[in-house]
Structures are given as structure tokens and as C-alpha cells.
Amino acid sequence: MARNWEKLDDNYQARLEKAGIDRAAYESGASLKSARGHRETPEHPRDAARCPADFTAYRVRNAKKINVLTDDGLRRVRLDKADRSTVARHWNAAKLWAKKGQADKINAMAGTTVQDVDTGENIPLAGASMELYQLAITGQMNVESIYVEAA
């Protein structure tokens, strides 16, 4: 689809020009990220997950600590948004296994890795195991455990 400079309102044309995008650049398909304020940040969080090296500062700045279920037990790790979503899906699968014995979802996620933004370490998620079962029966694998300090 060809871009037409004339269809833009005057304010948007001025915004593009201020960012160094003139009519010729706009109509030839130049990236508008810098004009939209996304030179250093992704326009969508999924962009940071797709190209983590391009958005390292953003990922680190927006990272939060969360408990991760590993084969070695709970680990408290700082993760970016995409990895926190993966860990939350993993916790849901683990709870389904612990309460109803349905292991297909947790086993499908076993070995999937999330990356600690501070160290760069890739941390594999646990599959159905006795270690995970021990966390469940001792009450360490409840809905609040994902947010509280790991032991």
C-alpha cells in the first residue's frame, strides 16, 4: 500500500518532519518509529520479546521479580513481561496437574526457558515431578506463591 503525504494532517506532517522524515522518505516507506516516540522502546511489548537484543534497556527497566517453578524448586528471578506471562501459564498448568492430575500442559512446557534479565541465564521450567509435587503438598505452590519471596 502506497503512502500518500497529502492525506496526512498538517500537525502529523510537522511531527514527521521534526523527526527527520520528509515527504519522499514517508512515501518511500521509511520507518516511523522515531516519529512515534519509539526509537529506544518497542511499540508493542511483543516486539521486545521478538528482538530482545534490540530492547535490552527496556526489558531490564520493566522487569519484575517473580517465582519460577524449576526442577530444583522455587527460584525468584527478574523477568521481562513476556517471560512473566510464560511463567504464569506454567503456574496454571502446574496447579492443574497438582489438583486434577492433568500432566499434559505442564509436561508440554517442561524445559521451556525464561531468561533472567540481570544475569542472562536461561532457566528451564519444571515438568511434572516429585519435587513439584512436594511444593504442592507443602502449600508452596498456591496462587500467592508466584509473587512472594522464594524460600
N, C-alpha and C. Protein backbone atom coordinates (compact mmCIF):
# COMPACT_ATOMS: atom_id res chain seq x y z
N MET A 1 0.84 -1.17 0.00
CA MET A 1 0.00 0.00 0.00
C MET A 1 0.89 1.24 0.00
N ALA A 2 0.69 2.09 -0.95
CA ALA A 2 1.50 3.31 -1.07
C ALA A 2 1.03 4.36 -0.06
N ARG A 3 1.97 5.05 0.51
CA ARG A 3 1.66 6.13 1.45
C ARG A 3 1.48 7.43 0.67
N ASN A 4 0.53 8.22 1.12
CA ASN A 4 0.26 9.49 0.47
C ASN A 4 0.42 10.62 1.48
N TRP A 5 1.45 11.42 1.31
CA TRP A 5 1.77 12.55 2.21
C TRP A 5 0.60 13.52 2.30
N GLU A 6 -0.12 13.73 1.20
CA GLU A 6 -1.20 14.71 1.15
C GLU A 6 -2.38 14.33 2.04
N LYS A 7 -2.53 13.06 2.34
CA LYS A 7 -3.64 12.61 3.18
C LYS A 7 -3.38 12.85 4.67
N LEU A 8 -2.15 13.21 5.04
CA LEU A 8 -1.81 13.47 6.44
C LEU A 8 -2.23 14.88 6.83
N ASP A 9 -2.66 15.03 8.08
CA ASP A 9 -2.98 16.40 8.50
C ASP A 9 -1.69 17.18 8.75
N ASP A 10 -1.81 18.49 8.82
CA ASP A 10 -0.64 19.36 8.94
C ASP A 10 0.18 19.08 10.20
N ASN A 11 -0.50 18.81 11.31
CA ASN A 11 0.21 18.53 12.56
C ASN A 11 1.06 17.26 12.46
N TYR A 12 0.51 16.22 11.82
CA TYR A 12 1.26 14.97 11.70
C TYR A 12 2.43 15.14 10.73
N GLN A 13 2.22 15.89 9.66
CA GLN A 13 3.32 16.17 8.74
C GLN A 13 4.45 16.89 9.48
N ALA A 14 4.09 17.86 10.33
CA ALA A 14 5.10 18.60 11.08
C ALA A 14 5.82 17.68 12.05
N ARG A 15 5.09 16.77 12.68
CA ARG A 15 5.69 15.81 13.62
C ARG A 15 6.70 14.91 12.89
N LEU A 16 6.32 14.43 11.71
CA LEU A 16 7.23 13.60 10.94
C LEU A 16 8.47 14.38 10.52
N GLU A 17 8.28 15.60 10.05
CA GLU A 17 9.42 16.41 9.62
C GLU A 17 10.35 16.72 10.78
N LYS A 18 9.79 16.96 11.96
CA LYS A 18 10.60 17.20 13.15
C LYS A 18 11.48 15.98 13.47
N ALA A 19 10.97 14.79 13.17
CA ALA A 19 11.71 13.55 13.41
C ALA A 19 12.63 13.21 12.24
N GLY A 20 12.69 14.09 11.23
CA GLY A 20 13.59 13.87 10.10
C GLY A 20 13.00 13.05 8.97
N ILE A 21 11.69 12.94 8.94
CA ILE A 21 11.04 12.17 7.88
C ILE A 21 10.31 13.15 6.96
N ASP A 22 10.86 13.34 5.78
CA ASP A 22 10.23 14.27 4.83
C ASP A 22 9.26 13.50 3.93
N ARG A 23 8.66 14.22 3.01
CA ARG A 23 7.67 13.63 2.11
C ARG A 23 8.22 12.43 1.36
N ALA A 24 9.39 12.57 0.78
CA ALA A 24 9.98 11.49 -0.01
C ALA A 24 10.23 10.25 0.86
N ALA A 25 10.77 10.46 2.05
CA ALA A 25 11.03 9.33 2.95
C ALA A 25 9.72 8.65 3.36
N TYR A 26 8.71 9.46 3.69
CA TYR A 26 7.42 8.91 4.10
C TYR A 26 6.81 8.07 2.98
N GLU A 27 6.77 8.64 1.78
CA GLU A 27 6.14 7.95 0.66
C GLU A 27 6.93 6.73 0.19
N SER A 28 8.23 6.69 0.50
CA SER A 28 9.02 5.52 0.12
C SER A 28 8.96 4.41 1.17
N GLY A 29 8.25 4.66 2.28
CA GLY A 29 8.05 3.61 3.27
C GLY A 29 9.01 3.63 4.44
N ALA A 30 9.65 4.76 4.72
CA ALA A 30 10.59 4.85 5.85
C ALA A 30 9.90 4.49 7.17
N SER A 31 10.66 3.96 8.11
CA SER A 31 10.15 3.62 9.42
C SER A 31 9.71 4.88 10.16
N LEU A 32 8.56 4.80 10.79
CA LEU A 32 8.01 5.94 11.53
C LEU A 32 8.20 5.79 13.04
N LYS A 33 8.97 4.77 13.46
CA LYS A 33 9.14 4.50 14.90
C LYS A 33 9.63 5.71 15.67
N SER A 34 10.64 6.40 15.15
CA SER A 34 11.20 7.54 15.89
C SER A 34 10.18 8.67 15.98
N ALA A 35 9.40 8.87 14.94
CA ALA A 35 8.38 9.93 14.96
C ALA A 35 7.26 9.61 15.95
N ARG A 36 7.05 8.34 16.20
CA ARG A 36 6.00 7.93 17.14
C ARG A 36 6.56 7.77 18.55
N GLY A 37 7.82 8.13 18.75
CA GLY A 37 8.40 8.06 20.09
C GLY A 37 8.94 6.71 20.48
N HIS A 38 9.26 5.87 19.51
CA HIS A 38 9.72 4.51 19.81
C HIS A 38 11.10 4.21 19.23
N ARG A 39 11.98 5.18 19.29
CA ARG A 39 13.35 4.94 18.83
C ARG A 39 14.06 3.96 19.76
N GLU A 40 13.84 4.10 21.08
CA GLU A 40 14.52 3.27 22.08
C GLU A 40 13.62 2.21 22.70
N THR A 41 12.32 2.30 22.49
CA THR A 41 11.39 1.36 23.11
C THR A 41 10.56 0.67 22.02
N PRO A 42 10.06 -0.53 22.32
CA PRO A 42 9.21 -1.20 21.34
C PRO A 42 7.84 -0.54 21.28
N GLU A 43 7.22 -0.59 20.12
CA GLU A 43 5.87 -0.06 20.01
C GLU A 43 4.88 -0.98 20.72
N HIS A 44 5.20 -2.26 20.78
CA HIS A 44 4.36 -3.25 21.46
C HIS A 44 5.28 -4.15 22.27
N PRO A 45 4.88 -4.57 23.48
CA PRO A 45 5.75 -5.45 24.29
C PRO A 45 6.20 -6.70 23.56
N ARG A 46 5.36 -7.23 22.67
CA ARG A 46 5.76 -8.45 21.94
C ARG A 46 6.97 -8.19 21.04
N ASP A 47 7.16 -6.92 20.61
CA ASP A 47 8.34 -6.59 19.81
C ASP A 47 9.62 -6.78 20.62
N ALA A 48 9.57 -6.46 21.91
CA ALA A 48 10.73 -6.64 22.78
C ALA A 48 11.04 -8.13 22.94
N ALA A 49 10.01 -8.95 22.99
CA ALA A 49 10.21 -10.39 23.12
C ALA A 49 10.78 -10.98 21.83
N ARG A 50 10.34 -10.46 20.69
CA ARG A 50 10.83 -10.97 19.40
C ARG A 50 12.29 -10.60 19.16
N CYS A 51 12.68 -9.40 19.57
CA CYS A 51 14.04 -8.89 19.33
C CYS A 51 14.66 -8.43 20.65
N PRO A 52 14.93 -9.35 21.57
CA PRO A 52 15.40 -8.95 22.90
C PRO A 52 16.69 -8.14 22.88
N ALA A 53 17.59 -8.42 21.96
CA ALA A 53 18.86 -7.68 21.92
C ALA A 53 18.64 -6.22 21.55
N ASP A 54 17.63 -5.94 20.76
CA ASP A 54 17.35 -4.56 20.35
C ASP A 54 16.76 -3.72 21.48
N PHE A 55 16.15 -4.37 22.46
CA PHE A 55 15.45 -3.63 23.51
C PHE A 55 15.90 -4.04 24.90
N THR A 56 17.18 -4.30 25.06
CA THR A 56 17.71 -4.75 26.35
C THR A 56 17.40 -3.77 27.47
N ALA A 57 17.64 -2.49 27.25
CA ALA A 57 17.40 -1.49 28.30
C ALA A 57 15.93 -1.47 28.70
N TYR A 58 15.05 -1.54 27.73
CA TYR A 58 13.61 -1.56 28.00
C TYR A 58 13.24 -2.80 28.82
N ARG A 59 13.74 -3.97 28.40
CA ARG A 59 13.41 -5.21 29.10
C ARG A 59 13.89 -5.17 30.54
N VAL A 60 15.09 -4.66 30.77
CA VAL A 60 15.64 -4.61 32.13
C VAL A 60 14.86 -3.61 32.98
N ARG A 61 14.55 -2.46 32.40
CA ARG A 61 13.84 -1.40 33.14
C ARG A 61 12.45 -1.86 33.57
N ASN A 62 11.79 -2.68 32.75
CA ASN A 62 10.42 -3.10 33.04
C ASN A 62 10.33 -4.50 33.66
N ALA A 63 11.46 -5.06 34.03
CA ALA A 63 11.48 -6.40 34.62
C ALA A 63 10.96 -6.35 36.06
N LYS A 64 10.36 -7.46 36.45
CA LYS A 64 9.86 -7.61 37.82
C LYS A 64 10.24 -8.99 38.32
N LYS A 65 10.34 -9.10 39.65
CA LYS A 65 10.67 -10.39 40.24
C LYS A 65 9.42 -11.25 40.36
N ILE A 66 9.62 -12.52 40.07
CA ILE A 66 8.53 -13.49 40.14
C ILE A 66 9.15 -14.85 40.47
N ASN A 67 8.38 -15.70 41.13
CA ASN A 67 8.86 -17.04 41.46
C ASN A 67 8.64 -17.97 40.28
N VAL A 68 9.66 -18.74 39.97
CA VAL A 68 9.63 -19.67 38.84
C VAL A 68 9.73 -21.10 39.40
N LEU A 69 8.87 -21.98 38.89
CA LEU A 69 8.92 -23.39 39.28
C LEU A 69 9.94 -24.10 38.41
N THR A 70 11.02 -24.56 39.04
CA THR A 70 12.07 -25.28 38.31
C THR A 70 12.19 -26.69 38.89
N ASP A 71 12.97 -27.52 38.24
CA ASP A 71 13.19 -28.87 38.76
C ASP A 71 13.93 -28.84 40.09
N ASP A 72 14.56 -27.70 40.42
CA ASP A 72 15.28 -27.55 41.69
C ASP A 72 14.45 -26.81 42.73
N GLY A 73 13.18 -26.56 42.46
CA GLY A 73 12.31 -25.86 43.40
C GLY A 73 11.99 -24.45 42.92
N LEU A 74 11.54 -23.61 43.86
CA LEU A 74 11.21 -22.23 43.52
C LEU A 74 12.46 -21.39 43.37
N ARG A 75 12.47 -20.55 42.34
CA ARG A 75 13.55 -19.57 42.16
C ARG A 75 12.93 -18.21 41.94
N ARG A 76 13.43 -17.22 42.65
CA ARG A 76 12.95 -15.84 42.48
C ARG A 76 13.85 -15.19 41.44
N VAL A 77 13.25 -14.73 40.33
CA VAL A 77 14.01 -14.23 39.19
C VAL A 77 13.35 -12.97 38.64
N ARG A 78 14.18 -12.04 38.16
CA ARG A 78 13.65 -10.85 37.48
C ARG A 78 13.46 -11.16 36.01
N LEU A 79 12.21 -11.02 35.55
CA LEU A 79 11.86 -11.37 34.18
C LEU A 79 11.17 -10.21 33.48
N ASP A 80 11.27 -10.20 32.15
CA ASP A 80 10.51 -9.21 31.38
C ASP A 80 9.06 -9.68 31.27
N LYS A 81 8.22 -8.83 30.70
CA LYS A 81 6.78 -9.11 30.64
C LYS A 81 6.45 -10.41 29.91
N ALA A 82 7.08 -10.65 28.80
CA ALA A 82 6.78 -11.86 28.02
C ALA A 82 7.12 -13.11 28.83
N ASP A 83 8.26 -13.12 29.50
CA ASP A 83 8.64 -14.29 30.29
C ASP A 83 7.76 -14.43 31.53
N ARG A 84 7.32 -13.31 32.11
CA ARG A 84 6.39 -13.41 33.25
C ARG A 84 5.08 -14.06 32.81
N SER A 85 4.63 -13.77 31.61
CA SER A 85 3.40 -14.40 31.09
C SER A 85 3.61 -15.90 30.91
N THR A 86 4.78 -16.28 30.41
CA THR A 86 5.10 -17.70 30.25
C THR A 86 5.09 -18.40 31.60
N VAL A 87 5.70 -17.76 32.60
CA VAL A 87 5.75 -18.35 33.95
C VAL A 87 4.33 -18.46 34.52
N ALA A 88 3.48 -17.48 34.30
CA ALA A 88 2.11 -17.54 34.81
C ALA A 88 1.35 -18.71 34.16
N ARG A 89 1.52 -18.92 32.85
CA ARG A 89 0.89 -20.06 32.18
C ARG A 89 1.42 -21.37 32.76
N HIS A 90 2.72 -21.38 33.07
CA HIS A 90 3.33 -22.58 33.65
C HIS A 90 2.75 -22.86 35.03
N TRP A 91 2.58 -21.82 35.84
CA TRP A 91 1.98 -22.00 37.17
C TRP A 91 0.56 -22.55 37.03
N ASN A 92 -0.21 -22.03 36.10
CA ASN A 92 -1.57 -22.53 35.90
C ASN A 92 -1.55 -24.01 35.51
N ALA A 93 -0.63 -24.38 34.64
CA ALA A 93 -0.51 -25.79 34.25
C ALA A 93 -0.09 -26.65 35.44
N ALA A 94 0.80 -26.13 36.27
CA ALA A 94 1.26 -26.88 37.45
C ALA A 94 0.12 -27.08 38.45
N LYS A 95 -0.69 -26.05 38.64
CA LYS A 95 -1.82 -26.18 39.56
C LYS A 95 -2.85 -27.18 39.04
N LEU A 96 -3.07 -27.18 37.71
CA LEU A 96 -3.99 -28.14 37.11
C LEU A 96 -3.48 -29.57 37.34
N TRP A 97 -2.18 -29.76 37.21
CA TRP A 97 -1.58 -31.08 37.45
C TRP A 97 -1.71 -31.46 38.92
N ALA A 98 -1.39 -30.51 39.82
CA ALA A 98 -1.41 -30.83 41.25
C ALA A 98 -2.82 -31.12 41.76
N LYS A 99 -3.82 -30.41 41.23
CA LYS A 99 -5.19 -30.57 41.74
C LYS A 99 -5.97 -31.67 41.03
N LYS A 100 -5.74 -31.83 39.72
CA LYS A 100 -6.56 -32.76 38.95
C LYS A 100 -5.78 -33.87 38.27
N GLY A 101 -4.46 -33.86 38.44
CA GLY A 101 -3.65 -34.91 37.86
C GLY A 101 -3.44 -34.81 36.36
N GLN A 102 -3.82 -33.68 35.77
CA GLN A 102 -3.67 -33.49 34.33
C GLN A 102 -2.26 -32.97 34.03
N ALA A 103 -1.41 -33.84 33.52
CA ALA A 103 0.00 -33.51 33.34
C ALA A 103 0.35 -33.04 31.94
N ASP A 104 -0.58 -33.11 30.99
CA ASP A 104 -0.23 -32.80 29.60
C ASP A 104 0.27 -31.37 29.42
N LYS A 105 -0.37 -30.38 30.04
CA LYS A 105 0.04 -28.99 29.86
C LYS A 105 1.38 -28.69 30.53
N ILE A 106 1.57 -29.19 31.75
CA ILE A 106 2.84 -28.92 32.44
C ILE A 106 3.99 -29.63 31.73
N ASN A 107 3.75 -30.83 31.27
CA ASN A 107 4.81 -31.56 30.57
C ASN A 107 5.12 -30.93 29.22
N ALA A 108 4.12 -30.33 28.59
CA ALA A 108 4.36 -29.64 27.31
C ALA A 108 5.25 -28.42 27.51
N MET A 109 5.20 -27.81 28.69
CA MET A 109 6.02 -26.63 28.98
C MET A 109 7.37 -26.98 29.61
N ALA A 110 7.54 -28.23 30.03
CA ALA A 110 8.79 -28.64 30.67
C ALA A 110 9.97 -28.34 29.76
N GLY A 111 10.98 -27.70 30.33
CA GLY A 111 12.17 -27.37 29.57
C GLY A 111 12.10 -26.04 28.83
N THR A 112 10.90 -25.47 28.71
CA THR A 112 10.79 -24.12 28.14
C THR A 112 11.62 -23.20 29.03
N THR A 113 12.38 -22.30 28.43
CA THR A 113 13.23 -21.45 29.25
C THR A 113 12.73 -20.02 29.30
N VAL A 114 13.00 -19.38 30.44
CA VAL A 114 12.80 -17.95 30.61
C VAL A 114 14.16 -17.36 30.97
N GLN A 115 14.36 -16.09 30.66
CA GLN A 115 15.70 -15.51 30.84
C GLN A 115 15.72 -14.48 31.95
N ASP A 116 16.60 -14.69 32.91
CA ASP A 116 16.85 -13.73 33.98
C ASP A 116 17.48 -12.48 33.33
N VAL A 117 16.80 -11.33 33.44
CA VAL A 117 17.31 -10.13 32.75
C VAL A 117 18.58 -9.60 33.41
N ASP A 118 18.83 -9.95 34.66
CA ASP A 118 20.04 -9.47 35.34
C ASP A 118 21.28 -10.26 34.95
N THR A 119 21.14 -11.58 34.83
CA THR A 119 22.30 -12.42 34.57
C THR A 119 22.34 -12.97 33.15
N GLY A 120 21.21 -12.96 32.46
CA GLY A 120 21.14 -13.55 31.13
C GLY A 120 20.97 -15.06 31.16
N GLU A 121 20.89 -15.63 32.36
CA GLU A 121 20.75 -17.08 32.49
C GLU A 121 19.39 -17.55 31.97
N ASN A 122 19.40 -18.61 31.19
CA ASN A 122 18.16 -19.23 30.73
C ASN A 122 17.76 -20.29 31.75
N ILE A 123 16.56 -20.16 32.27
CA ILE A 123 16.08 -21.03 33.35
C ILE A 123 14.98 -21.93 32.81
N PRO A 124 15.20 -23.26 32.82
CA PRO A 124 14.18 -24.18 32.32
C PRO A 124 13.04 -24.37 33.34
N LEU A 125 11.83 -24.41 32.81
CA LEU A 125 10.65 -24.63 33.65
C LEU A 125 10.50 -26.11 33.95
N ALA A 126 9.93 -26.42 35.11
CA ALA A 126 9.78 -27.80 35.56
C ALA A 126 8.64 -28.51 34.85
N GLY A 127 8.79 -29.82 34.75
CA GLY A 127 7.71 -30.69 34.32
C GLY A 127 7.13 -31.35 35.56
N ALA A 128 6.16 -32.23 35.37
CA ALA A 128 5.57 -32.96 36.48
C ALA A 128 6.67 -33.81 37.12
N SER A 129 6.88 -33.62 38.42
CA SER A 129 7.95 -34.34 39.11
C SER A 129 7.62 -34.44 40.60
N MET A 130 8.39 -35.25 41.29
CA MET A 130 8.21 -35.36 42.74
C MET A 130 8.56 -34.05 43.44
N GLU A 131 9.57 -33.34 42.93
CA GLU A 131 9.94 -32.06 43.55
C GLU A 131 8.78 -31.07 43.46
N LEU A 132 8.13 -31.04 42.31
CA LEU A 132 6.98 -30.15 42.13
C LEU A 132 5.82 -30.61 43.01
N TYR A 133 5.63 -31.90 43.11
CA TYR A 133 4.57 -32.44 43.96
C TYR A 133 4.81 -32.04 45.42
N GLN A 134 6.07 -32.07 45.85
CA GLN A 134 6.39 -31.66 47.23
C GLN A 134 6.02 -30.19 47.47
N LEU A 135 6.28 -29.33 46.48
CA LEU A 135 5.89 -27.92 46.60
C LEU A 135 4.38 -27.80 46.74
N ALA A 136 3.65 -28.61 46.00
CA ALA A 136 2.19 -28.56 46.04
C ALA A 136 1.65 -29.02 47.38
N ILE A 137 2.14 -30.15 47.90
CA ILE A 137 1.56 -30.68 49.14
C ILE A 137 2.02 -29.90 50.38
N THR A 138 3.10 -29.15 50.26
CA THR A 138 3.55 -28.33 51.39
C THR A 138 2.98 -26.92 51.33
N GLY A 139 2.12 -26.65 50.34
CA GLY A 139 1.46 -25.35 50.25
C GLY A 139 2.31 -24.25 49.63
N GLN A 140 3.47 -24.60 49.08
CA GLN A 140 4.34 -23.59 48.47
C GLN A 140 3.94 -23.29 47.03
N MET A 141 2.99 -24.04 46.52
CA MET A 141 2.55 -23.83 45.15
C MET A 141 1.08 -23.42 45.15
N ASN A 142 0.81 -22.26 45.76
CA ASN A 142 -0.54 -21.73 45.72
C ASN A 142 -0.52 -20.43 44.91
N VAL A 143 -1.67 -19.85 44.69
CA VAL A 143 -1.75 -18.70 43.80
C VAL A 143 -0.87 -17.54 44.25
N GLU A 144 -0.68 -17.36 45.56
CA GLU A 144 0.14 -16.26 46.04
C GLU A 144 1.64 -16.54 45.91
N SER A 145 2.01 -17.81 45.80
CA SER A 145 3.43 -18.17 45.77
C SER A 145 4.18 -17.58 44.58
N ILE A 146 3.49 -17.27 43.53
CA ILE A 146 4.16 -16.72 42.36
C ILE A 146 4.72 -15.32 42.67
N TYR A 147 4.13 -14.64 43.65
CA TYR A 147 4.52 -13.25 43.93
C TYR A 147 5.35 -13.07 45.19
N VAL A 148 5.38 -14.04 46.09
CA VAL A 148 6.07 -13.86 47.37
C VAL A 148 7.50 -14.36 47.29
N GLU A 149 8.28 -14.02 48.29
CA GLU A 149 9.68 -14.43 48.34
C GLU A 149 9.84 -15.94 48.30
N ALA A 150 10.77 -16.41 47.51
CA ALA A 150 11.08 -17.84 47.48
C ALA A 150 11.89 -18.18 48.71
N ALA A 151 11.73 -19.40 49.20
CA ALA A 151 12.46 -19.83 50.38
C ALA A 151 13.90 -20.09 50.07
